[in-house]
N, C-alpha and C. Protein backbone atom coordinates (compact mmCIF):
# COMPACT_ATOMS: atom_id res chain seq x y z
N MET A 1 6.51 4.93 2.31
CA MET A 1 7.64 4.62 1.48
C MET A 1 7.16 4.59 0.03
N LYS A 2 7.85 5.31 -0.81
CA LYS A 2 7.55 5.29 -2.24
C LYS A 2 8.27 4.10 -2.86
N LEU A 3 7.57 3.39 -3.72
CA LEU A 3 8.16 2.24 -4.39
C LEU A 3 8.45 2.58 -5.85
N THR A 4 9.50 2.00 -6.38
CA THR A 4 9.80 2.14 -7.81
C THR A 4 8.75 1.35 -8.59
N GLU A 5 8.65 1.61 -9.87
CA GLU A 5 7.70 0.86 -10.71
C GLU A 5 7.97 -0.64 -10.63
N ALA A 6 9.25 -1.02 -10.64
CA ALA A 6 9.60 -2.44 -10.56
C ALA A 6 9.13 -3.04 -9.24
N ARG A 7 9.31 -2.30 -8.15
CA ARG A 7 8.86 -2.80 -6.84
C ARG A 7 7.34 -2.84 -6.76
N ILE A 8 6.67 -1.88 -7.36
CA ILE A 8 5.20 -1.90 -7.38
C ILE A 8 4.71 -3.14 -8.10
N ASP A 9 5.24 -3.40 -9.29
CA ASP A 9 4.84 -4.58 -10.05
C ASP A 9 5.13 -5.86 -9.29
N HIS A 10 6.30 -5.94 -8.69
CA HIS A 10 6.69 -7.13 -7.93
C HIS A 10 5.76 -7.31 -6.72
N ALA A 11 5.47 -6.22 -6.03
CA ALA A 11 4.58 -6.28 -4.87
C ALA A 11 3.16 -6.68 -5.29
N LEU A 12 2.66 -6.11 -6.39
CA LEU A 12 1.31 -6.44 -6.84
C LEU A 12 1.18 -7.92 -7.19
N ASN A 13 2.21 -8.48 -7.81
CA ASN A 13 2.16 -9.92 -8.12
C ASN A 13 1.99 -10.74 -6.85
N GLN A 14 2.69 -10.36 -5.81
CA GLN A 14 2.58 -11.09 -4.54
C GLN A 14 1.28 -10.76 -3.81
N LEU A 15 0.90 -9.49 -3.81
CA LEU A 15 -0.31 -9.09 -3.11
C LEU A 15 -1.55 -9.74 -3.68
N ASN A 16 -1.63 -9.81 -5.00
CA ASN A 16 -2.82 -10.40 -5.61
C ASN A 16 -2.94 -11.89 -5.33
N ALA A 17 -1.84 -12.54 -4.97
CA ALA A 17 -1.89 -13.93 -4.54
C ALA A 17 -2.44 -14.04 -3.12
N GLN A 18 -2.22 -13.00 -2.31
CA GLN A 18 -2.65 -13.00 -0.91
C GLN A 18 -3.93 -12.18 -0.69
N VAL A 19 -4.04 -11.08 -1.40
CA VAL A 19 -5.17 -10.16 -1.26
C VAL A 19 -5.67 -9.83 -2.66
N PRO A 20 -6.55 -10.68 -3.22
CA PRO A 20 -7.00 -10.48 -4.61
C PRO A 20 -7.56 -9.08 -4.86
N SER A 21 -7.40 -8.63 -6.08
CA SER A 21 -7.92 -7.33 -6.56
C SER A 21 -7.19 -6.13 -6.01
N THR A 22 -5.98 -6.29 -5.53
CA THR A 22 -5.20 -5.15 -5.07
C THR A 22 -4.72 -4.35 -6.28
N GLN A 23 -4.81 -3.04 -6.16
CA GLN A 23 -4.37 -2.14 -7.23
C GLN A 23 -3.53 -1.03 -6.64
N ALA A 24 -2.52 -0.62 -7.37
CA ALA A 24 -1.72 0.53 -6.96
C ALA A 24 -2.35 1.79 -7.53
N LEU A 25 -2.37 2.83 -6.72
CA LEU A 25 -2.87 4.12 -7.18
C LEU A 25 -1.76 4.81 -7.95
N PRO A 26 -2.01 5.19 -9.22
CA PRO A 26 -0.95 5.86 -10.00
C PRO A 26 -0.52 7.17 -9.32
N GLU A 27 0.76 7.47 -9.40
CA GLU A 27 1.29 8.70 -8.79
C GLU A 27 0.64 9.96 -9.34
N ASN A 28 0.18 9.92 -10.59
CA ASN A 28 -0.42 11.10 -11.20
C ASN A 28 -1.93 11.18 -10.99
N HIS A 29 -2.49 10.28 -10.19
CA HIS A 29 -3.93 10.32 -9.91
C HIS A 29 -4.24 11.57 -9.08
N PRO A 30 -5.35 12.26 -9.34
CA PRO A 30 -5.67 13.50 -8.63
C PRO A 30 -5.75 13.36 -7.10
N ILE A 31 -6.13 12.21 -6.60
CA ILE A 31 -6.28 12.06 -5.15
C ILE A 31 -4.95 11.76 -4.43
N THR A 32 -3.90 11.46 -5.19
CA THR A 32 -2.63 11.12 -4.58
C THR A 32 -2.10 12.24 -3.68
N ASP A 33 -2.20 13.47 -4.11
CA ASP A 33 -1.72 14.59 -3.30
C ASP A 33 -2.49 14.70 -1.99
N GLN A 34 -3.81 14.50 -2.04
CA GLN A 34 -4.62 14.55 -0.83
C GLN A 34 -4.23 13.44 0.14
N LEU A 35 -4.04 12.23 -0.40
CA LEU A 35 -3.64 11.11 0.45
C LEU A 35 -2.27 11.36 1.07
N SER A 36 -1.36 11.92 0.29
CA SER A 36 -0.03 12.23 0.80
C SER A 36 -0.08 13.28 1.91
N ASP A 37 -0.99 14.26 1.77
CA ASP A 37 -1.15 15.27 2.81
C ASP A 37 -1.60 14.64 4.13
N VAL A 38 -2.45 13.63 4.04
CA VAL A 38 -3.00 12.99 5.24
C VAL A 38 -2.06 11.92 5.79
N PHE A 39 -1.50 11.09 4.91
CA PHE A 39 -0.76 9.91 5.36
C PHE A 39 0.75 9.96 5.12
N GLY A 40 1.23 10.96 4.42
CA GLY A 40 2.64 11.03 4.10
C GLY A 40 2.92 10.55 2.69
N ASP A 41 4.18 10.61 2.31
CA ASP A 41 4.60 10.29 0.94
C ASP A 41 4.79 8.78 0.80
N HIS A 42 3.83 8.13 0.18
CA HIS A 42 3.84 6.67 0.03
C HIS A 42 3.33 6.28 -1.35
N THR A 43 3.55 5.03 -1.70
CA THR A 43 2.83 4.41 -2.80
C THR A 43 1.58 3.82 -2.16
N PHE A 44 0.41 4.18 -2.68
CA PHE A 44 -0.85 3.75 -2.07
C PHE A 44 -1.45 2.60 -2.87
N PHE A 45 -2.06 1.68 -2.15
CA PHE A 45 -2.72 0.53 -2.74
C PHE A 45 -4.16 0.48 -2.24
N PHE A 46 -5.06 0.04 -3.11
CA PHE A 46 -6.45 -0.19 -2.75
C PHE A 46 -6.76 -1.67 -2.92
N ASP A 47 -7.57 -2.19 -2.00
CA ASP A 47 -8.06 -3.56 -2.14
C ASP A 47 -9.48 -3.59 -1.59
N ALA A 48 -10.06 -4.76 -1.49
CA ALA A 48 -11.44 -4.89 -1.02
C ALA A 48 -11.62 -4.37 0.40
N GLY A 49 -10.54 -4.31 1.17
CA GLY A 49 -10.64 -3.85 2.55
C GLY A 49 -10.43 -2.35 2.72
N GLY A 50 -9.77 -1.71 1.77
CA GLY A 50 -9.54 -0.27 1.88
C GLY A 50 -8.21 0.17 1.33
N LEU A 51 -7.59 1.13 2.00
CA LEU A 51 -6.35 1.78 1.57
C LEU A 51 -5.18 1.22 2.37
N THR A 52 -4.12 0.83 1.67
CA THR A 52 -2.94 0.30 2.34
C THR A 52 -1.67 0.93 1.77
N ILE A 53 -0.60 0.76 2.52
CA ILE A 53 0.74 1.13 2.07
C ILE A 53 1.66 -0.04 2.41
N ILE A 54 2.89 0.04 1.91
CA ILE A 54 3.91 -0.94 2.27
C ILE A 54 5.05 -0.18 2.93
N GLU A 55 5.45 -0.66 4.09
CA GLU A 55 6.57 -0.09 4.82
C GLU A 55 7.62 -1.17 5.03
N PRO A 56 8.87 -0.79 5.20
CA PRO A 56 9.90 -1.80 5.45
C PRO A 56 9.54 -2.65 6.67
N ALA A 57 9.74 -3.95 6.55
CA ALA A 57 9.46 -4.84 7.68
C ALA A 57 10.42 -4.56 8.83
N LYS A 58 11.61 -4.05 8.50
CA LYS A 58 12.57 -3.62 9.52
C LYS A 58 12.53 -2.10 9.55
N PRO A 59 12.11 -1.50 10.66
CA PRO A 59 12.03 -0.03 10.73
C PRO A 59 13.34 0.65 10.35
N ASP A 60 13.22 1.81 9.74
CA ASP A 60 14.36 2.64 9.33
C ASP A 60 15.25 1.98 8.29
N ASP A 61 14.68 1.07 7.49
CA ASP A 61 15.49 0.39 6.47
C ASP A 61 14.69 0.25 5.19
N GLU A 62 14.61 1.35 4.41
CA GLU A 62 13.83 1.33 3.17
C GLU A 62 14.43 0.43 2.10
N SER A 63 15.67 0.04 2.27
CA SER A 63 16.27 -0.86 1.30
C SER A 63 16.07 -2.31 1.71
N ALA A 64 15.33 -2.53 2.78
CA ALA A 64 15.11 -3.88 3.30
C ALA A 64 14.46 -4.75 2.23
N GLY A 65 14.69 -6.03 2.34
CA GLY A 65 14.16 -6.96 1.37
C GLY A 65 12.68 -7.27 1.55
N LEU A 66 12.13 -6.98 2.72
CA LEU A 66 10.73 -7.30 2.98
C LEU A 66 9.94 -6.05 3.33
N GLY A 67 8.70 -6.00 2.86
CA GLY A 67 7.81 -4.91 3.19
C GLY A 67 6.53 -5.44 3.81
N GLN A 68 6.04 -4.76 4.81
CA GLN A 68 4.81 -5.16 5.49
C GLN A 68 3.67 -4.25 5.04
N VAL A 69 2.52 -4.86 4.79
CA VAL A 69 1.34 -4.10 4.37
C VAL A 69 0.67 -3.51 5.60
N ILE A 70 0.39 -2.20 5.53
CA ILE A 70 -0.24 -1.48 6.63
C ILE A 70 -1.53 -0.86 6.11
N LYS A 71 -2.63 -1.16 6.77
CA LYS A 71 -3.93 -0.62 6.38
C LYS A 71 -4.15 0.72 7.07
N LEU A 72 -4.49 1.75 6.27
CA LEU A 72 -4.66 3.10 6.77
C LEU A 72 -6.11 3.57 6.82
N ALA A 73 -6.96 2.98 5.97
CA ALA A 73 -8.35 3.40 5.90
C ALA A 73 -9.19 2.23 5.39
N SER A 74 -10.45 2.22 5.82
CA SER A 74 -11.37 1.15 5.41
C SER A 74 -12.54 1.74 4.65
N TRP A 75 -13.09 0.96 3.73
CA TRP A 75 -14.28 1.39 3.00
C TRP A 75 -15.44 1.46 3.98
N ILE A 76 -16.27 2.49 3.84
CA ILE A 76 -17.43 2.62 4.72
C ILE A 76 -18.75 2.44 3.98
N ASP A 77 -18.67 2.13 2.68
CA ASP A 77 -19.88 1.88 1.92
C ASP A 77 -19.65 0.68 1.00
N ASP A 78 -20.74 0.01 0.66
CA ASP A 78 -20.64 -1.19 -0.18
C ASP A 78 -20.13 -0.89 -1.58
N ALA A 79 -20.34 0.32 -2.06
CA ALA A 79 -19.89 0.70 -3.40
C ALA A 79 -18.39 1.02 -3.42
N ARG A 80 -17.76 1.05 -2.26
CA ARG A 80 -16.33 1.36 -2.13
C ARG A 80 -15.99 2.72 -2.74
N THR A 81 -16.76 3.72 -2.33
CA THR A 81 -16.51 5.08 -2.81
C THR A 81 -16.05 6.01 -1.69
N LYS A 82 -16.18 5.57 -0.43
CA LYS A 82 -15.81 6.42 0.70
C LYS A 82 -14.93 5.64 1.67
N LEU A 83 -13.86 6.29 2.09
CA LEU A 83 -12.93 5.67 3.03
C LEU A 83 -12.98 6.39 4.37
N ALA A 84 -12.78 5.62 5.44
CA ALA A 84 -12.66 6.20 6.77
C ALA A 84 -11.25 5.90 7.28
N PRO A 85 -10.44 6.93 7.50
CA PRO A 85 -9.09 6.69 8.03
C PRO A 85 -9.17 6.19 9.47
N HIS A 86 -8.16 5.44 9.87
CA HIS A 86 -8.07 4.94 11.23
C HIS A 86 -6.59 4.78 11.58
N PRO A 87 -6.28 4.52 12.83
CA PRO A 87 -4.86 4.31 13.15
C PRO A 87 -4.30 3.17 12.31
N PRO A 88 -3.03 3.26 11.95
CA PRO A 88 -2.43 2.21 11.12
C PRO A 88 -2.61 0.81 11.73
N GLU A 89 -3.03 -0.12 10.87
CA GLU A 89 -3.19 -1.52 11.28
C GLU A 89 -2.13 -2.34 10.55
N TYR A 90 -1.20 -2.88 11.31
CA TYR A 90 -0.16 -3.72 10.71
C TYR A 90 -0.76 -5.08 10.40
N THR A 91 -0.75 -5.45 9.13
CA THR A 91 -1.34 -6.72 8.73
C THR A 91 -0.28 -7.82 8.77
N ALA A 92 -0.72 -9.03 8.55
CA ALA A 92 0.19 -10.18 8.50
C ALA A 92 0.77 -10.36 7.09
N VAL A 93 0.37 -9.50 6.16
CA VAL A 93 0.81 -9.62 4.77
C VAL A 93 2.20 -8.97 4.60
N VAL A 94 3.14 -9.78 4.14
CA VAL A 94 4.51 -9.33 3.91
C VAL A 94 4.88 -9.67 2.47
N VAL A 95 5.54 -8.73 1.81
CA VAL A 95 5.99 -8.96 0.43
C VAL A 95 7.49 -8.80 0.33
N GLU A 96 8.08 -9.52 -0.59
CA GLU A 96 9.51 -9.40 -0.86
C GLU A 96 9.72 -8.26 -1.83
N LEU A 97 10.65 -7.37 -1.51
CA LEU A 97 10.91 -6.21 -2.34
C LEU A 97 12.29 -6.21 -2.97
N ASP A 98 13.27 -6.84 -2.36
CA ASP A 98 14.66 -6.69 -2.80
C ASP A 98 14.95 -7.19 -4.19
N ARG A 99 14.23 -8.15 -4.68
CA ARG A 99 14.48 -8.66 -6.05
C ARG A 99 14.06 -7.68 -7.11
N ALA A 100 13.25 -6.70 -6.76
CA ALA A 100 12.72 -5.76 -7.73
C ALA A 100 13.38 -4.41 -7.68
N ALA A 101 14.37 -4.24 -6.85
CA ALA A 101 14.98 -2.91 -6.66
C ALA A 101 15.56 -2.34 -7.93
């Protein structure tokens, strides 16, 4: 799910309270196209654990008020320069999205 700038900012404020150092990957970053080819069209986030996305907490409802963080890849080196993709891991982290629409 692609998030608007307002939703990205709103999500980051909440994510950094739960998962410090989370950053959104800018849409114009060179690796965004590669990630989209592998994982689909999403707003991508990086944190200390790896690569994540936010999907609606209620399936098939992108306008839903809540989004669940899903981990798609984990860092495989201490320098955090290489990611290993894995099956999606649904985390317990949920963010409110509807106030930022």
